[in-house]
Amino acid sequence: MKLTALTIALFFGLAVPALADAGAGTRLSAAAIERTRLVVIYDPAYQRIAYPMGDVAADRGVCADEVIRALRSLGVDLQQLVHEDMKQNFSAYPQFWGMAGPDSNIDHRRVPNLETYMKRKGWRLPPSLDAGEYKPGDIVAWNLRGEAGFLPHIGIVTDRIGASGWPMIVHNIGAGPKLEDVLFSWPMTGRYRPQIRDGAAP
């Protein structure tokens, strides 16, 4: 019996979402690439920010901020979406940080929380080593340390193709937003396709 990606997804109970707005992935890819023109200093420091649509200084940020900022250009505010979901379902989220409850200043800037939110909302796609299955606007998360530990990272798949033949990724791994050929460079912890309808996520 030949197992297709769909069969595997159904067997493991994974959702197989598609962008409700067919052009959203292309626009998200373009928004991510546009961010590579900016100078951003990698800065994971905790800061109090506004809510909703709050942000740290534009010249500061981490990998998650690139995803947050690119999606905001499409009208999707992960700060508000994650916070509202965590208020109702706090125990469903990782408990790595000793928090007693949600914190709209930082929760959305943590990759494990973003992965949990995206999985809960049906954005998760089945694992795949086929570069052709990664579409512009997909969001990918990795563990940079692999078997040696846990250091989460996240980026956005673009419509640009690298020398490897893989779709290139916009991410901030420490030197600001960059467009790089790194799709399969680290162990992947998840791939996701935002479901965007009329400029907003469900």
Protein backbone atom coordinates (compact mmCIF):
# COMPACT_ATOMS: atom_id res chain seq x y z
CA MET A 1 0.00 0.00 0.00
CA LYS A 2 1.43 3.35 -1.02
CA LEU A 3 1.21 5.95 1.73
CA THR A 4 0.57 9.46 0.49
CA ALA A 5 1.16 12.60 2.54
CA LEU A 6 -2.61 12.88 2.97
CA THR A 7 -2.87 9.29 4.23
CA ILE A 8 -0.09 9.89 6.74
CA ALA A 9 -1.69 13.13 7.87
CA LEU A 10 -5.07 11.50 8.43
CA PHE A 11 -3.49 8.56 10.26
CA PHE A 12 -1.72 10.87 12.72
CA GLY A 13 -4.67 13.20 13.02
CA LEU A 14 -2.91 16.17 11.46
CA ALA A 15 -4.87 18.90 9.79
CA VAL A 16 -4.17 19.61 6.14
CA PRO A 17 -5.20 23.25 5.78
CA ALA A 18 -5.03 25.44 2.71
CA LEU A 19 -4.94 29.20 2.54
CA ALA A 20 -8.53 30.38 2.26
CA ASP A 21 -7.16 33.47 0.52
CA ALA A 22 -5.26 31.98 -2.41
CA GLY A 23 -2.95 34.97 -2.72
CA ALA A 24 -2.14 35.30 0.97
CA GLY A 25 0.90 33.03 0.85
CA THR A 26 2.46 35.05 -1.95
CA ARG A 27 1.80 38.30 -0.10
CA LEU A 28 3.24 36.90 3.12
CA SER A 29 6.35 35.79 1.22
CA ALA A 30 6.71 39.27 -0.27
CA ALA A 31 6.22 40.92 3.13
CA ALA A 32 8.90 38.70 4.64
CA ILE A 33 11.36 39.46 1.83
CA GLU A 34 10.68 43.19 2.19
CA ARG A 35 11.76 42.96 5.82
CA THR A 36 15.24 41.87 4.75
CA ARG A 37 15.84 45.48 3.69
CA LEU A 38 15.71 46.54 7.34
CA VAL A 39 18.40 46.61 9.99
CA VAL A 40 17.21 44.73 13.09
CA ILE A 41 19.41 43.98 16.09
CA TYR A 42 18.73 40.59 17.62
CA ASP A 43 17.38 41.38 21.08
CA PRO A 44 15.36 38.86 23.14
CA ALA A 45 14.95 41.17 26.15
CA TYR A 46 11.55 41.27 27.84
CA GLN A 47 9.77 44.56 27.21
CA ARG A 48 6.36 45.91 28.07
CA ILE A 49 4.48 46.70 24.87
CA ALA A 50 1.05 47.92 23.85
CA TYR A 51 -1.88 45.56 23.27
CA PRO A 52 -3.16 44.74 20.71
CA MET A 53 -0.74 45.39 17.83
CA GLY A 54 2.07 46.04 20.30
CA ASP A 55 5.70 45.68 19.26
CA VAL A 56 9.19 46.22 20.54
CA ALA A 57 11.29 48.91 18.86
CA ALA A 58 11.38 48.43 15.10
CA ASP A 59 15.16 48.00 15.10
CA ARG A 60 14.99 45.22 17.72
CA GLY A 61 13.60 41.71 17.58
CA VAL A 62 14.01 37.94 17.45
CA CYS A 63 13.03 35.24 14.97
CA ALA A 64 9.39 35.20 16.10
CA ASP A 65 9.11 38.95 15.54
CA GLU A 66 9.77 38.45 11.81
CA VAL A 67 6.76 36.15 11.58
CA ILE A 68 4.63 38.48 13.69
CA ARG A 69 5.55 41.58 11.69
CA ALA A 70 5.11 39.96 8.29
CA LEU A 71 1.67 38.62 9.22
CA ARG A 72 0.61 42.01 10.51
CA SER A 73 1.10 43.39 7.01
CA LEU A 74 -1.76 41.04 6.05
CA GLY A 75 -3.92 42.19 8.95
CA VAL A 76 -3.16 39.24 11.24
CA ASP A 77 -2.11 40.12 14.81
CA LEU A 78 -0.53 37.08 16.45
CA GLN A 79 -0.11 38.99 19.68
CA GLN A 80 -3.87 39.26 20.10
CA LEU A 81 -4.67 35.83 18.67
CA VAL A 82 -2.19 33.99 20.90
CA HIS A 83 -3.14 36.01 23.99
CA GLU A 84 -6.86 35.43 23.56
CA ASP A 85 -6.33 31.71 23.06
CA MET A 86 -3.98 31.46 26.04
CA LYS A 87 -6.48 33.24 28.29
CA GLN A 88 -9.00 30.51 27.59
CA ASN A 89 -6.60 27.55 27.30
CA PHE A 90 -3.48 28.37 29.29
CA SER A 91 -2.82 24.76 30.29
CA ALA A 92 -2.65 23.75 26.60
CA TYR A 93 0.48 25.85 26.13
CA PRO A 94 4.10 25.02 27.07
CA GLN A 95 4.98 25.70 30.70
CA PHE A 96 8.71 26.29 30.20
CA TRP A 97 8.87 29.75 31.74
CA GLY A 98 7.21 29.35 35.14
CA MET A 99 4.32 31.63 34.22
CA ALA A 100 1.14 31.70 36.32
CA GLY A 101 -0.92 33.03 33.42
CA PRO A 102 -0.70 34.61 29.98
CA ASP A 103 1.40 37.72 29.34
CA SER A 104 0.59 39.72 26.21
CA ASN A 105 4.04 41.34 26.33
CA ILE A 106 5.98 38.16 25.56
CA ASP A 107 3.84 35.06 24.91
CA HIS A 108 3.56 35.58 21.14
CA ARG A 109 7.31 36.16 20.87
CA ARG A 110 8.10 32.61 22.02
CA VAL A 111 8.34 30.00 19.27
CA PRO A 112 6.83 27.10 21.29
CA ASN A 113 3.76 29.24 21.96
CA LEU A 114 3.44 30.13 18.28
CA GLU A 115 3.72 26.47 17.32
CA THR A 116 1.05 25.55 19.87
CA TYR A 117 -1.30 28.24 18.60
CA MET A 118 -0.81 27.27 14.96
CA LYS A 119 -1.37 23.60 15.72
CA ARG A 120 -4.50 24.35 17.74
CA LYS A 121 -5.92 26.43 14.88
CA GLY A 122 -5.36 23.75 12.25
CA TRP A 123 -2.43 25.38 10.46
CA ARG A 124 -0.12 22.41 10.95
CA LEU A 125 0.90 20.36 7.91
CA PRO A 126 2.34 16.83 7.84
CA PRO A 127 6.13 16.51 8.04
CA SER A 128 7.80 16.40 4.63
CA LEU A 129 11.30 16.18 3.18
CA ASP A 130 9.95 17.13 -0.26
CA ALA A 131 10.93 20.74 -0.88
CA GLY A 132 8.16 21.00 -3.47
CA GLU A 133 5.52 20.71 -0.76
CA TYR A 134 6.65 23.94 0.89
CA LYS A 135 4.68 26.88 -0.48
CA PRO A 136 5.29 30.63 -0.25
CA GLY A 137 3.96 31.90 3.05
CA ASP A 138 4.35 28.62 4.91
CA ILE A 139 5.87 28.97 8.37
CA VAL A 140 8.56 26.53 9.47
CA ALA A 141 10.01 25.91 12.95
CA TRP A 142 13.21 24.11 13.85
CA ASN A 143 15.25 22.95 16.82
CA LEU A 144 18.67 24.44 16.17
CA ARG A 145 20.40 22.12 18.65
CA GLY A 146 18.91 18.86 17.42
CA GLU A 147 19.68 15.94 19.71
CA ALA A 148 22.05 18.11 21.77
CA GLY A 149 19.26 20.16 23.34
CA PHE A 150 16.45 22.53 22.49
CA LEU A 151 16.77 25.95 20.87
CA PRO A 152 13.63 26.83 18.91
CA HIS A 153 13.72 28.90 15.75
CA ILE A 154 11.12 29.99 13.19
CA GLY A 155 10.99 31.49 9.71
CA ILE A 156 8.84 32.06 6.61
CA VAL A 157 9.05 30.16 3.33
CA THR A 158 9.35 32.44 0.30
CA ASP A 159 8.84 32.13 -3.45
CA ARG A 160 12.59 32.43 -4.07
CA ILE A 161 14.51 29.23 -4.84
CA GLY A 162 18.04 28.78 -3.53
CA ALA A 163 21.06 27.07 -5.06
CA SER A 164 20.04 23.87 -3.25
CA GLY A 165 16.72 23.81 -5.11
CA TRP A 166 14.89 24.49 -1.85
CA PRO A 167 12.58 27.45 -1.27
CA MET A 168 14.50 30.15 0.57
CA ILE A 169 13.61 31.25 4.09
CA VAL A 170 13.33 34.67 5.71
CA HIS A 171 14.42 34.42 9.33
CA ASN A 172 16.40 36.19 12.02
CA ILE A 173 18.95 33.85 13.54
CA GLY A 174 21.00 36.63 15.07
CA ALA A 175 21.97 39.04 12.30
CA GLY A 176 18.58 40.56 11.52
CA PRO A 177 16.09 39.42 8.87
CA LYS A 178 17.87 37.51 6.12
CA LEU A 179 16.81 35.57 3.03
CA GLU A 180 18.75 32.32 3.16
CA ASP A 181 18.83 28.81 1.71
CA VAL A 182 18.28 26.95 5.01
CA LEU A 183 14.98 25.05 4.75
CA PHE A 184 16.43 21.66 5.76
CA SER A 185 19.48 22.93 7.64
CA TRP A 186 18.19 21.93 11.11
CA PRO A 187 15.75 19.37 12.51
CA MET A 188 12.26 20.63 11.81
CA THR A 189 9.69 20.72 14.61
CA GLY A 190 6.75 21.81 12.51
CA ARG A 191 5.50 23.33 9.29
CA TYR A 192 2.38 25.44 9.11
CA ARG A 193 0.18 27.15 6.55
CA PRO A 194 -1.76 30.15 7.88
CA GLN A 195 -5.46 30.10 7.12
CA ILE A 196 -6.16 33.69 6.21
CA ARG A 197 -9.62 34.88 5.30
CA ASP A 198 -10.34 38.45 4.21
CA GLY A 199 -7.18 39.80 5.79
CA ALA A 200 -7.52 38.03 9.13
CA ALA A 201 -6.85 34.65 10.66
CA PRO A 202 -9.68 32.62 12.22
